[in-house]
């Protein structure tokens, strides 16, 4: 019984005694090291992300330049094609007019020849 009484009083004494939180210099050094490593890691991640953002911006700018140059070249080629088409259309129109004039002249000459033969 004495043993039981002693065990229960020591447990009660331990449970009611507030425990103090003690830190040793070694635990501070570990805490500081963890904070230092976390800070270095945070900076490295931040630098990596900043570098990735800069690369993305560079690629975006180069793409804009390439698209702008391509658009300009397309406009130039389209303009040249339009000019060639207009030139070809003008030449075709002139040839059509010449052919039409030739046909009219041929028809007039034929009519005159028929009238001359009819008068004879």
PDB file of N, CA and C in Angstrom:
ATOM      1  N   UNK A   1       0.806  -1.174   0.000  1.00  0.00           N
ATOM      2  CA  UNK A   1       0.000   0.000   0.000  1.00  0.00           C
ATOM      3  C   UNK A   1       0.861   1.254   0.000  1.00  0.00           C
ATOM      4  N   UNK A   2       1.924   1.190   0.700  1.00  0.00           N
ATOM      5  CA  UNK A   2       2.829   2.310   0.742  1.00  0.00           C
ATOM      6  C   UNK A   2       3.371   2.603  -0.663  1.00  0.00           C
ATOM      7  N   UNK A   3       3.632   1.528  -1.334  1.00  0.00           N
ATOM      8  CA  UNK A   3       4.147   1.680  -2.684  1.00  0.00           C
ATOM      9  C   UNK A   3       3.104   2.366  -3.572  1.00  0.00           C
ATOM     10  N   UNK A   4       1.863   2.012  -3.481  1.00  0.00           N
ATOM     11  CA  UNK A   4       0.786   2.588  -4.267  1.00  0.00           C
ATOM     12  C   UNK A   4       0.591   4.060  -3.902  1.00  0.00           C
ATOM     13  N   UNK A   5       0.660   4.379  -2.656  1.00  0.00           N
ATOM     14  CA  UNK A   5       0.481   5.754  -2.209  1.00  0.00           C
ATOM     15  C   UNK A   5       1.621   6.628  -2.708  1.00  0.00           C
ATOM     16  N   UNK A   6       2.820   6.107  -2.637  1.00  0.00           N
ATOM     17  CA  UNK A   6       3.972   6.869  -3.100  1.00  0.00           C
ATOM     18  C   UNK A   6       3.906   7.095  -4.610  1.00  0.00           C
ATOM     19  N   UNK A   7       3.480   6.090  -5.349  1.00  0.00           N
ATOM     20  CA  UNK A   7       3.392   6.195  -6.797  1.00  0.00           C
ATOM     21  C   UNK A   7       2.329   7.208  -7.197  1.00  0.00           C
ATOM     22  N   UNK A   8       1.188   7.186  -6.524  1.00  0.00           N
ATOM     23  CA  UNK A   8       0.136   8.125  -6.893  1.00  0.00           C
ATOM     24  C   UNK A   8       0.480   9.544  -6.485  1.00  0.00           C
ATOM     25  N   UNK A   9       1.172   9.771  -5.375  1.00  0.00           N
ATOM     26  CA  UNK A   9       1.544  11.117  -4.991  1.00  0.00           C
ATOM     27  C   UNK A   9       2.633  11.665  -5.899  1.00  0.00           C
ATOM     28  N   UNK A  10       3.534  10.841  -6.343  1.00  0.00           N
ATOM     29  CA  UNK A  10       4.586  11.344  -7.216  1.00  0.00           C
ATOM     30  C   UNK A  10       4.012  11.694  -8.586  1.00  0.00           C
ATOM     31  N   UNK A  11       3.041  10.918  -9.045  1.00  0.00           N
ATOM     32  CA  UNK A  11       2.395  11.235 -10.318  1.00  0.00           C
ATOM     33  C   UNK A  11       1.611  12.535 -10.214  1.00  0.00           C
ATOM     34  N   UNK A  12       0.917  12.687  -9.132  1.00  0.00           N
ATOM     35  CA  UNK A  12       0.142  13.902  -8.937  1.00  0.00           C
ATOM     36  C   UNK A  12       1.054  15.101  -8.819  1.00  0.00           C
ATOM     37  N   UNK A  13       2.166  14.941  -8.185  1.00  0.00           N
ATOM     38  CA  UNK A  13       3.106  16.033  -8.022  1.00  0.00           C
ATOM     39  C   UNK A  13       3.708  16.405  -9.370  1.00  0.00           C
ATOM     40  N   UNK A  14       3.998  15.411 -10.150  1.00  0.00           N
ATOM     41  CA  UNK A  14       4.555  15.683 -11.478  1.00  0.00           C
ATOM     42  C   UNK A  14       3.535  16.344 -12.392  1.00  0.00           C
ATOM     43  N   UNK A  15       2.320  15.898 -12.304  1.00  0.00           N
ATOM     44  CA  UNK A  15       1.273  16.449 -13.156  1.00  0.00           C
ATOM     45  C   UNK A  15       0.948  17.878 -12.781  1.00  0.00           C
ATOM     46  N   UNK A  16       1.004  18.231 -11.522  1.00  0.00           N
ATOM     47  CA  UNK A  16       0.648  19.577 -11.104  1.00  0.00           C
ATOM     48  C   UNK A  16       1.814  20.545 -11.192  1.00  0.00           C
ATOM     49  N   UNK A  17       3.019  20.056 -11.334  1.00  0.00           N
ATOM     50  CA  UNK A  17       4.187  20.924 -11.418  1.00  0.00           C
ATOM     51  C   UNK A  17       4.291  21.474 -12.833  1.00  0.00           C
ATOM     52  N   UNK A  18       4.333  22.790 -12.964  1.00  0.00           N
ATOM     53  CA  UNK A  18       4.462  23.335 -14.311  1.00  0.00           C
ATOM     54  C   UNK A  18       5.846  23.040 -14.869  1.00  0.00           C
ATOM     55  N   UNK A  19       5.881  22.687 -16.122  1.00  0.00           N
ATOM     56  CA  UNK A  19       7.154  22.395 -16.759  1.00  0.00           C
ATOM     57  C   UNK A  19       7.657  23.633 -17.463  1.00  0.00           C
ATOM     58  N   UNK A  20       8.872  23.928 -17.236  1.00  0.00           N
ATOM     59  CA  UNK A  20       9.471  25.104 -17.845  1.00  0.00           C
ATOM     60  C   UNK A  20      10.046  24.716 -19.204  1.00  0.00           C
ATOM     61  N   UNK A  21       9.976  25.635 -20.137  1.00  0.00           N
ATOM     62  CA  UNK A  21      10.529  25.396 -21.476  1.00  0.00           C
ATOM     63  C   UNK A  21      11.935  25.959 -21.483  1.00  0.00           C
ATOM     64  N   UNK A  22      12.871  25.077 -21.608  1.00  0.00           N
ATOM     65  CA  UNK A  22      14.263  25.498 -21.582  1.00  0.00           C
ATOM     66  C   UNK A  22      14.862  25.320 -22.963  1.00  0.00           C
ATOM     67  N   UNK A  23      15.645  26.288 -23.363  1.00  0.00           N
ATOM     68  CA  UNK A  23      16.387  26.141 -24.608  1.00  0.00           C
ATOM     69  C   UNK A  23      17.857  26.215 -24.280  1.00  0.00           C
ATOM     70  N   UNK A  24      18.574  25.436 -24.984  1.00  0.00           N
ATOM     71  CA  UNK A  24      20.016  25.431 -24.761  1.00  0.00           C
ATOM     72  C   UNK A  24      20.679  26.162 -25.914  1.00  0.00           C
ATOM     73  N   UNK A  25      21.905  26.571 -25.770  1.00  0.00           N
ATOM     74  CA  UNK A  25      22.607  27.229 -26.868  1.00  0.00           C
ATOM     75  C   UNK A  25      22.673  26.352 -28.114  1.00  0.00           C
ATOM     76  N   UNK A  26      22.707  25.055 -27.918  1.00  0.00           N
ATOM     77  CA  UNK A  26      22.749  24.145 -29.069  1.00  0.00           C
ATOM     78  C   UNK A  26      21.449  24.216 -29.855  1.00  0.00           C
ATOM     79  N   UNK A  27      20.308  24.290 -29.141  1.00  0.00           N
ATOM     80  CA  UNK A  27      19.031  24.361 -29.844  1.00  0.00           C
ATOM     81  C   UNK A  27      18.871  25.697 -30.559  1.00  0.00           C
ATOM     82  N   UNK A  28      19.427  26.778 -30.002  1.00  0.00           N
ATOM     83  CA  UNK A  28      19.397  28.069 -30.687  1.00  0.00           C
ATOM     84  C   UNK A  28      20.217  28.011 -31.967  1.00  0.00           C
ATOM     85  N   UNK A  29      21.354  27.354 -31.901  1.00  0.00           N
ATOM     86  CA  UNK A  29      22.200  27.244 -33.081  1.00  0.00           C
ATOM     87  C   UNK A  29      21.468  26.462 -34.166  1.00  0.00           C
ATOM     88  N   UNK A  30      20.772  25.424 -33.809  1.00  0.00           N
ATOM     89  CA  UNK A  30      20.020  24.633 -34.779  1.00  0.00           C
ATOM     90  C   UNK A  30      18.898  25.475 -35.364  1.00  0.00           C
ATOM     91  N   UNK A  31      18.197  26.220 -34.532  1.00  0.00           N
ATOM     92  CA  UNK A  31      17.103  27.075 -34.988  1.00  0.00           C
ATOM     93  C   UNK A  31      17.625  28.135 -35.949  1.00  0.00           C
ATOM     94  N   UNK A  32      18.757  28.716 -35.595  1.00  0.00           N
ATOM     95  CA  UNK A  32      19.344  29.727 -36.469  1.00  0.00           C
ATOM     96  C   UNK A  32      19.783  29.116 -37.802  1.00  0.00           C
ATOM     97  N   UNK A  33      20.335  27.915 -37.743  1.00  0.00           N
ATOM     98  CA  UNK A  33      20.771  27.241 -38.971  1.00  0.00           C
ATOM     99  C   UNK A  33      19.559  26.949 -39.864  1.00  0.00           C
ATOM    100  N   UNK A  34      18.492  26.467 -39.266  1.00  0.00           N
ATOM    101  CA  UNK A  34      17.277  26.172 -40.042  1.00  0.00           C
ATOM    102  C   UNK A  34      16.740  27.448 -40.673  1.00  0.00           C
ATOM    103  N   UNK A  35      16.726  28.536 -39.911  1.00  0.00           N
ATOM    104  CA  UNK A  35      16.242  29.807 -40.444  1.00  0.00           C
ATOM    105  C   UNK A  35      17.139  30.292 -41.568  1.00  0.00           C
ATOM    106  N   UNK A  36      18.448  30.110 -41.400  1.00  0.00           N
ATOM    107  CA  UNK A  36      19.399  30.535 -42.421  1.00  0.00           C
ATOM    108  C   UNK A  36      19.225  29.716 -43.706  1.00  0.00           C
ATOM    109  N   UNK A  37      19.088  28.402 -43.550  1.00  0.00           N
ATOM    110  CA  UNK A  37      18.886  27.537 -44.717  1.00  0.00           C
ATOM    111  C   UNK A  37      17.570  27.878 -45.414  1.00  0.00           C
ATOM    112  N   UNK A  38      16.522  28.117 -44.632  1.00  0.00           N
ATOM    113  CA  UNK A  38      15.221  28.479 -45.211  1.00  0.00           C
ATOM    114  C   UNK A  38      15.313  29.807 -45.951  1.00  0.00           C
ATOM    115  N   UNK A  39      16.055  30.750 -45.383  1.00  0.00           N
ATOM    116  CA  UNK A  39      16.225  32.056 -46.031  1.00  0.00           C
ATOM    117  C   UNK A  39      16.983  31.906 -47.350  1.00  0.00           C
ATOM    118  N   UNK A  40      18.075  31.118 -47.329  1.00  0.00           N
ATOM    119  CA  UNK A  40      18.841  30.888 -48.559  1.00  0.00           C
ATOM    120  C   UNK A  40      17.988  30.195 -49.622  1.00  0.00           C
ATOM    121  N   UNK A  41      17.219  29.209 -49.188  1.00  0.00           N
ATOM    122  CA  UNK A  41      16.345  28.495 -50.115  1.00  0.00           C
ATOM    123  C   UNK A  41      15.299  29.437 -50.716  1.00  0.00           C
ATOM    124  N   UNK A  42      14.729  30.284 -49.874  1.00  0.00           N
ATOM    125  CA  UNK A  42      13.736  31.247 -50.336  1.00  0.00           C
ATOM    126  C   UNK A  42      14.335  32.186 -51.377  1.00  0.00           C
ATOM    127  N   UNK A  43      15.558  32.653 -51.116  1.00  0.00           N
ATOM    128  CA  UNK A  43      16.212  33.561 -52.063  1.00  0.00           C
ATOM    129  C   UNK A  43      16.528  32.856 -53.376  1.00  0.00           C
ATOM    130  N   UNK A  44      16.997  31.612 -53.307  1.00  0.00           N
ATOM    131  CA  UNK A  44      17.314  30.858 -54.529  1.00  0.00           C
ATOM    132  C   UNK A  44      16.051  30.637 -55.363  1.00  0.00           C
ATOM    133  N   UNK A  45      14.972  30.263 -54.709  1.00  0.00           N
ATOM    134  CA  UNK A  45      13.707  30.053 -55.422  1.00  0.00           C
ATOM    135  C   UNK A  45      13.241  31.363 -56.045  1.00  0.00           C
ATOM    136  N   UNK A  46      13.347  32.441 -55.308  1.00  0.00           N
ATOM    137  CA  UNK A  46      12.952  33.756 -55.822  1.00  0.00           C
ATOM    138  C   UNK A  46      13.790  34.161 -57.021  1.00  0.00           C
ATOM    139  N   UNK A  47      15.101  33.924 -56.945  1.00  0.00           N
ATOM    140  CA  UNK A  47      15.977  34.254 -58.080  1.00  0.00           C
ATOM    141  C   UNK A  47      15.639  33.395 -59.288  1.00  0.00           C
ATOM    142  N   UNK A  48      15.368  32.116 -59.052  1.00  0.00           N
ATOM    143  CA  UNK A  48      15.003  31.223 -60.156  1.00  0.00           C
ATOM    144  C   UNK A  48      13.713  31.668 -60.824  1.00  0.00           C
ATOM    145  N   UNK A  49      12.732  32.035 -60.014  1.00  0.00           N
ATOM    146  CA  UNK A  49      11.458  32.500 -60.579  1.00  0.00           C
ATOM    147  C   UNK A  49      11.636  33.818 -61.327  1.00  0.00           C
ATOM    148  N   UNK A  50      12.439  34.712 -60.776  1.00  0.00           N
ATOM    149  CA  UNK A  50      12.687  35.989 -61.455  1.00  0.00           C
ATOM    150  C   UNK A  50      13.386  35.760 -62.789  1.00  0.00           C
ATOM    151  N   UNK A  51      14.331  34.834 -62.812  1.00  0.00           N
ATOM    152  CA  UNK A  51      15.030  34.510 -64.053  1.00  0.00           C
ATOM    153  C   UNK A  51      14.064  33.924 -65.077  1.00  0.00           C
ATOM    154  N   UNK A  52      13.185  33.053 -64.615  1.00  0.00           N
ATOM    155  CA  UNK A  52      12.200  32.454 -65.523  1.00  0.00           C
ATOM    156  C   UNK A  52      11.257  33.513 -66.084  1.00  0.00           C
ATOM    157  N   UNK A  53      10.856  34.460 -65.261  1.00  0.00           N
ATOM    158  CA  UNK A  53       9.970  35.536 -65.722  1.00  0.00           C
ATOM    159  C   UNK A  53      10.688  36.396 -66.759  1.00  0.00           C
ATOM    160  N   UNK A  54      11.965  36.699 -66.501  1.00  0.00           N
ATOM    161  CA  UNK A  54      12.729  37.507 -67.463  1.00  0.00           C
ATOM    162  C   UNK A  54      12.865  36.774 -68.794  1.00  0.00           C
ATOM    163  N   UNK A  55      13.149  35.485 -68.750  1.00  0.00           N
ATOM    164  CA  UNK A  55      13.263  34.700 -69.987  1.00  0.00           C
ATOM    165  C   UNK A  55      11.936  34.701 -70.731  1.00  0.00           C
ATOM    166  N   UNK A  56      10.856  34.559 -69.991  1.00  0.00           N
ATOM    167  CA  UNK A  56       9.536  34.591 -70.609  1.00  0.00           C
ATOM    168  C   UNK A  56       9.266  35.917 -71.292  1.00  0.00           C
ATOM    169  N   UNK A  57       9.668  37.000 -70.640  1.00  0.00           N
ATOM    170  CA  UNK A  57       9.482  38.323 -71.239  1.00  0.00           C
ATOM    171  C   UNK A  57      10.327  38.486 -72.497  1.00  0.00           C
ATOM    172  N   UNK A  58      11.559  37.961 -72.460  1.00  0.00           N
ATOM    173  CA  UNK A  58      12.422  38.041 -73.643  1.00  0.00           C
ATOM    174  C   UNK A  58      11.818  37.267 -74.811  1.00  0.00           C
ATOM    175  N   UNK A  59      11.335  36.069 -74.521  1.00  0.00           N
ATOM    176  CA  UNK A  59      10.725  35.253 -75.574  1.00  0.00           C
ATOM    177  C   UNK A  59       9.490  35.945 -76.128  1.00  0.00           C
ATOM    178  N   UNK A  60       8.701  36.540 -75.251  1.00  0.00           N
ATOM    179  CA  UNK A  60       7.506  37.252 -75.697  1.00  0.00           C
ATOM    180  C   UNK A  60       7.881  38.407 -76.614  1.00  0.00           C
ATOM    181  N   UNK A  61       8.902  39.150 -76.249  1.00  0.00           N
ATOM    182  CA  UNK A  61       9.334  40.289 -77.067  1.00  0.00           C
ATOM    183  C   UNK A  61       9.853  39.819 -78.422  1.00  0.00           C
ATOM    184  N   UNK A  62      10.652  38.756 -78.422  1.00  0.00           N
ATOM    185  CA  UNK A  62      11.164  38.226 -79.691  1.00  0.00           C
ATOM    186  C   UNK A  62      10.025  37.733 -80.570  1.00  0.00           C
ATOM    187  N   UNK A  63       9.035  37.104 -79.947  1.00  0.00           N
ATOM    188  CA  UNK A  63       7.878  36.626 -80.707  1.00  0.00           C
ATOM    189  C   UNK A  63       7.119  37.795 -81.315  1.00  0.00           C
ATOM    190  N   UNK A  64       6.943  38.856 -80.539  1.00  0.00           N
ATOM    191  CA  UNK A  64       6.265  40.045 -81.059  1.00  0.00           C
ATOM    192  C   UNK A  64       7.019  40.621 -82.250  1.00  0.00           C
ATOM    193  N   UNK A  65       8.351  40.676 -82.139  1.00  0.00           N
ATOM    194  CA  UNK A  65       9.155  41.205 -83.234  1.00  0.00           C
ATOM    195  C   UNK A  65       9.025  40.326 -84.467  1.00  0.00           C
ATOM    196  N   UNK A  66       9.085  39.017 -84.267  1.00  0.00           N
ATOM    197  CA  UNK A  66       8.985  38.081 -85.394  1.00  0.00           C
ATOM    198  C   UNK A  66       7.627  38.189 -86.059  1.00  0.00           C
ATOM    199  N   UNK A  67       6.587  38.256 -85.253  1.00  0.00           N
ATOM    200  CA  UNK A  67       5.236  38.377 -85.815  1.00  0.00           C
ATOM    201  C   UNK A  67       5.099  39.705 -86.552  1.00  0.00           C
ATOM    202  N   UNK A  68       5.645  40.776 -85.977  1.00  0.00           N
ATOM    203  CA  UNK A  68       5.583  42.085 -86.635  1.00  0.00           C
ATOM    204  C   UNK A  68       6.315  42.077 -87.963  1.00  0.00           C
ATOM    205  N   UNK A  69       7.502  41.461 -87.979  1.00  0.00           N
ATOM    206  CA  UNK A  69       8.268  41.383 -89.220  1.00  0.00           C
ATOM    207  C   UNK A  69       7.534  40.527 -90.250  1.00  0.00           C
ATOM    208  N   UNK A  70       6.963  39.424 -89.794  1.00  0.00           N
ATOM    209  CA  UNK A  70       6.221  38.554 -90.704  1.00  0.00           C
ATOM    210  C   UNK A  70       5.005  39.273 -91.275  1.00  0.00           C
ATOM    211  N   UNK A  71       4.327  40.021 -90.423  1.00  0.00           N
ATOM    212  CA  UNK A  71       3.160  40.770 -90.884  1.00  0.00           C
ATOM    213  C   UNK A  71       3.572  41.810 -91.919  1.00  0.00           C
ATOM    214  N   UNK A  72       4.692  42.479 -91.662  1.00  0.00           N
ATOM    215  CA  UNK A  72       5.181  43.485 -92.606  1.00  0.00           C
ATOM    216  C   UNK A  72       5.548  42.837 -93.933  1.00  0.00           C
ATOM    217  N   UNK A  73       6.242  41.712 -93.885  1.00  0.00           N
ATOM    218  CA  UNK A  73       6.610  41.013 -95.112  1.00  0.00           C
ATOM    219  C   UNK A  73       5.366  40.548 -95.865  1.00  0.00           C
ATOM    220  N   UNK A  74       4.389  40.079 -95.119  1.00  0.00           N
ATOM    221  CA  UNK A  74       3.146  39.634 -95.744  1.00  0.00           C
ATOM    222  C   UNK A  74       2.464  40.801 -96.442  1.00  0.00           C
ATOM    223  N   UNK A  75       2.445  41.967 -95.795  1.00  0.00           N
ATOM    224  CA  UNK A  75       1.853  43.151 -96.411  1.00  0.00           C
ATOM    225  C   UNK A  75       2.605  43.525 -97.683  1.00  0.00           C
ATOM    226  N   UNK A  76       3.942  43.471 -97.616  1.00  0.00           N
ATOM    227  CA  UNK A  76       4.734  43.819 -98.796  1.00  0.00           C
ATOM    228  C   UNK A  76       4.464  42.846 -99.943  1.00  0.00           C
ATOM    229  N   UNK A  77       4.451  41.548 -99.632  1.00  0.00           N
ATOM    230  CA  UNK A  77       4.208  40.539-100.670  1.00  0.00           C
ATOM    231  C   UNK A  77       2.797  40.691-101.229  1.00  0.00           C
ATOM    232  N   UNK A  78       1.853  40.951-100.353  1.00  0.00           N
ATOM    233  CA  UNK A  78       0.469  41.142-100.805  1.00  0.00           C
ATOM    234  C   UNK A  78       0.376  42.367-101.703  1.00  0.00           C
ATOM    235  N   UNK A  79       1.055  43.444-101.307  1.00  0.00           N
ATOM    236  CA  UNK A  79       1.057  44.662-102.133  1.00  0.00           C
ATOM    237  C   UNK A  79       1.671  44.404-103.495  1.00  0.00           C
ATOM    238  N   UNK A  80       2.788  43.669-103.510  1.00  0.00           N
ATOM    239  CA  UNK A  80       3.432  43.363-104.793  1.00  0.00           C
ATOM    240  C   UNK A  80       2.528  42.472-105.638  1.00  0.00           C
ATOM    241  N   UNK A  81       1.861  41.515-105.005  1.00  0.00           N
ATOM    242  CA  UNK A  81       0.956  40.639-105.752  1.00  0.00           C
ATOM    243  C   UNK A  81      -0.213  41.438-106.331  1.00  0.00           C
ATOM    244  N   UNK A  82      -0.720  42.386-105.561  1.00  0.00           N
ATOM    245  CA  UNK A  82      -1.815  43.230-106.059  1.00  0.00           C
ATOM    246  C   UNK A  82      -1.358  44.050-107.264  1.00  0.00           C
ATOM    247  N   UNK A  83      -0.151  44.610-107.157  1.00  0.00           N
ATOM    248  CA  UNK A  83       0.368  45.408-108.268  1.00  0.00           C
ATOM    249  C   UNK A  83       0.546  44.547-109.518  1.00  0.00           C
ATOM    250  N   UNK A  84       1.099  43.338-109.335  1.00  0.00           N
ATOM    251  CA  UNK A  84       1.277  42.449-110.480  1.00  0.00           C
ATOM    252  C   UNK A  84      -0.069  42.053-111.074  1.00  0.00           C
ATOM    253  N   UNK A  85      -1.027  41.809-110.207  1.00  0.00           N
ATOM    254  CA  UNK A  85      -2.355  41.441-110.680  1.00  0.00           C
ATOM    255  C   UNK A  85      -2.975  42.589-111.463  1.00  0.00           C
ATOM    256  N   UNK A  86      -2.830  43.801-110.935  1.00  0.00           N
ATOM    257  CA  UNK A  86      -3.362  44.965-111.655  1.00  0.00           C
ATOM    258  C   UNK A  86      -2.664  45.123-112.998  1.00  0.00           C
ATOM    259  N   UNK A  87      -1.332  44.950-112.991  1.00  0.00           N
ATOM    260  CA  UNK A  87      -0.579  45.063-114.241  1.00  0.00           C
ATOM    261  C   UNK A  87      -1.015  44.016-115.246  1.00  0.00           C
ATOM    262  N   UNK A  88      -1.165  42.785-114.767  1.00  0.00           N
ATOM    263  CA  UNK A  88      -1.608  41.706-115.652  1.00  0.00           C
ATOM    264  C   UNK A  88      -3.022  41.978-116.162  1.00  0.00           C
ATOM    265  N   UNK A  89      -3.879  42.470-115.286  1.00  0.00           N
ATOM    266  CA  UNK A  89      -5.248  42.785-115.696  1.00  0.00           C
ATOM    267  C   UNK A  89      -5.240  43.900-116.742  1.00  0.00           C
ATOM    268  N   UNK A  90      -4.384  44.897-116.552  1.00  0.00           N
ATOM    269  CA  UNK A  90      -4.294  45.984-117.536  1.00  0.00           C
ATOM    270  C   UNK A  90      -3.809  45.467-118.881  1.00  0.00           C
ATOM    271  N   UNK A  91      -2.777  44.612-118.846  1.00  0.00           N
ATOM    272  CA  UNK A  91      -2.259  44.047-120.106  1.00  0.00           C
ATOM    273  C   UNK A  91      -3.332  43.201-120.771  1.00  0.00           C
ATOM    274  N   UNK A  92      -4.029  42.382-119.982  1.00  0.00           N
ATOM    275  CA  UNK A  92      -5.084  41.544-120.551  1.00  0.00           C
ATOM    276  C   UNK A  92      -6.205  42.408-121.121  1.00  0.00           C
ATOM    277  N   UNK A  93      -6.533  43.486-120.415  1.00  0.00           N
ATOM    278  CA  UNK A  93      -7.570  44.393-120.924  1.00  0.00           C
ATOM    279  C   UNK A  93      -7.146  45.049-122.221  1.00  0.00           C
ATOM    280  N   UNK A  94      -5.887  45.461-122.302  1.00  0.00           N
ATOM    281  CA  UNK A  94      -5.386  46.075-123.535  1.00  0.00           C
ATOM    282  C   UNK A  94      -5.414  45.076-124.685  1.00  0.00           C
ATOM    283  N   UNK A  95      -4.983  43.857-124.405  1.00  0.00           N
ATOM    284  CA  UNK A  95      -4.994  42.833-125.463  1.00  0.00           C
ATOM    285  C   UNK A  95      -6.420  42.533-125.904  1.00  0.00           C
ATOM    286  N   UNK A  96      -7.338  42.506-124.944  1.00  0.00           N
ATOM    287  CA  UNK A  96      -8.737  42.270-125.291  1.00  0.00           C
ATOM    288  C   UNK A  96      -9.255  43.411-126.159  1.00  0.00           C
ATOM    289  N   UNK A  97      -8.889  44.646-125.803  1.00  0.00           N
ATOM    290  CA  UNK A  97      -9.312  45.800-126.607  1.00  0.00           C
ATOM    291  C   UNK A  97      -8.714  45.737-128.009  1.00  0.00           C
ATOM    292  N   UNK A  98      -7.436  45.350-128.079  1.00  0.00           N
ATOM    293  CA  UNK A  98      -6.788  45.229-129.394  1.00  0.00           C
ATOM    294  C   UNK A  98      -7.476  44.147-130.224  1.00  0.00           C
ATOM    295  N   UNK A  99      -7.773  43.027-129.587  1.00  0.00           N
ATOM    296  CA  UNK A  99      -8.435  41.936-130.306  1.00  0.00           C
ATOM    297  C   UNK A  99      -9.812  42.371-130.765  1.00  0.00           C
ATOM    298  N   UNK A 100     -10.517  43.043-129.882  1.00  0.00           N
ATOM    299  CA  UNK A 100     -11.854  43.519-130.223  1.00  0.00           C
ATOM    300  C   UNK A 100     -11.775  44.518-131.381  1.00  0.00           C
ATOM    301  N   UNK A 101     -10.811  45.401-131.319  1.00  0.00           N
ATOM    302  CA  UNK A 101     -10.652  46.381-132.399  1.00  0.00           C
ATOM    303  C   UNK A 101     -10.288  45.679-133.699  1.00  0.00           C
ATOM    304  N   UNK A 102      -9.422  44.649-133.599  1.00  0.00           N
ATOM    305  CA  UNK A 102      -9.048  43.892-134.787  1.00  0.00           C
ATOM    306  C   UNK A 102     -10.241  43.174-135.388  1.00  0.00           C
ATOM    307  N   UNK A 103     -11.074  42.607-134.508  1.00  0.00           N
ATOM    308  CA  UNK A 103     -12.273  41.902-135.000  1.00  0.00           C
ATOM    309  C   UNK A 103     -13.218  42.901-135.658  1.00  0.00           C
ATOM    310  N   UNK A 104     -13.401  44.054-135.038  1.00  0.00           N
ATOM    311  CA  UNK A 104     -14.293  45.068-135.628  1.00  0.00           C
ATOM    312  C   UNK A 104     -13.756  45.534-136.979  1.00  0.00           C
ATOM    313  N   UNK A 105     -12.447  45.749-137.022  1.00  0.00           N
ATOM    314  CA  UNK A 105     -11.841  46.194-138.280  1.00  0.00           C
ATOM    315  C   UNK A 105     -11.981  45.110-139.347  1.00  0.00           C
ATOM    316  N   UNK A 106     -11.758  43.849-138.932  1.00  0.00           N
ATOM    317  CA  UNK A 106     -11.912  42.733-139.875  1.00  0.00           C
ATOM    318  C   UNK A 106     -13.341  42.625-140.361  1.00  0.00           C
ATOM    319  N   UNK A 107     -14.295  42.817-139.460  1.00  0.00           N
ATOM    320  CA  UNK A 107     -15.703  42.743-139.839  1.00  0.00           C
ATOM    321  C   UNK A 107     -16.047  43.887-140.790  1.00  0.00           C
ATOM    322  N   UNK A 108     -15.535  45.087-140.530  1.00  0.00           N
ATOM    323  CA  UNK A 108     -15.780  46.228-141.405  1.00  0.00           C
ATOM    324  C   UNK A 108     -15.174  45.986-142.789  1.00  0.00           C
ATOM    325  N   UNK A 109     -13.928  45.482-142.800  1.00  0.00           N
ATOM    326  CA  UNK A 109     -13.284  45.193-144.086  1.00  0.00           C
ATOM    327  C   UNK A 109     -14.071  44.138-144.866  1.00  0.00           C
ATOM    328  N   UNK A 110     -14.524  43.111-144.150  1.00  0.00           N
ATOM    329  CA  UNK A 110     -15.293  42.063-144.820  1.00  0.00           C
ATOM    330  C   UNK A 110     -16.584  42.634-145.390  1.00  0.00           C
ATOM    331  N   UNK A 111     -17.227  43.499-144.612  1.00  0.00           N
ATOM    332  CA  UNK A 111     -18.480  44.115-145.072  1.00  0.00           C
ATOM    333  C   UNK A 111     -18.229  44.972-146.309  1.00  0.00           C
ATOM    334  N   UNK A 112     -17.110  45.712-146.295  1.00  0.00           N
ATOM    335  CA  UNK A 112     -16.770  46.546-147.448  1.00  0.00           C
ATOM    336  C   UNK A 112     -16.481  45.667-148.669  1.00  0.00           C
ATOM    337  N   UNK A 113     -15.761  44.562-148.436  1.00  0.00           N
ATOM    338  CA  UNK A 113     -15.472  43.643-149.551  1.00  0.00           C
ATOM    339  C   UNK A 113     -16.768  43.059-150.117  1.00  0.00           C
ATOM    340  N   UNK A 114     -17.682  42.714-149.254  1.00  0.00           N
ATOM    341  CA  UNK A 114     -18.959  42.149-149.708  1.00  0.00           C
ATOM    342  C   UNK A 114     -19.716  43.203-150.508  1.00  0.00           C
ATOM    343  N   UNK A 115     -19.726  44.438-150.005  1.00  0.00           N
ATOM    344  CA  UNK A 115     -20.427  45.517-150.729  1.00  0.00           C
ATOM    345  C   UNK A 115     -19.763  45.789-152.084  1.00  0.00           C
ATOM    346  N   UNK A 116     -18.437  45.733-152.159  1.00  0.00           N
ATOM    347  CA  UNK A 116     -17.747  45.941-153.440  1.00  0.00           C
ATOM    348  C   UNK A 116     -18.107  44.835-154.426  1.00  0.00           C
ATOM    349  N   UNK A 117     -18.132  43.629-153.945  1.00  0.00           N
ATOM    350  CA  UNK A 117     -18.462  42.495-154.827  1.00  0.00           C
ATOM    351  C   UNK A 117     -19.920  42.594-155.283  1.00  0.00           C
ATOM    352  N   UNK A 118     -20.752  43.085-154.389  1.00  0.00           N
ATOM    353  CA  UNK A 118     -22.164  43.189-154.752  1.00  0.00           C
ATOM    354  C   UNK A 118     -22.372  44.286-155.781  1.00  0.00           C
ATOM    355  N   UNK A 119     -21.598  45.336-155.815  1.00  0.00           N
ATOM    356  CA  UNK A 119     -21.731  46.423-156.775  1.00  0.00           C
ATOM    357  C   UNK A 119     -21.240  45.998-158.148  1.00  0.00           C
ATOM    358  N   UNK A 120     -20.376  45.096-158.225  1.00  0.00           N
ATOM    359  CA  UNK A 120     -19.817  44.716-159.511  1.00  0.00           C
ATOM    360  C   UNK A 120     -20.803  44.048-160.337  1.00  0.00           C
TER     361      UNK A 120
END
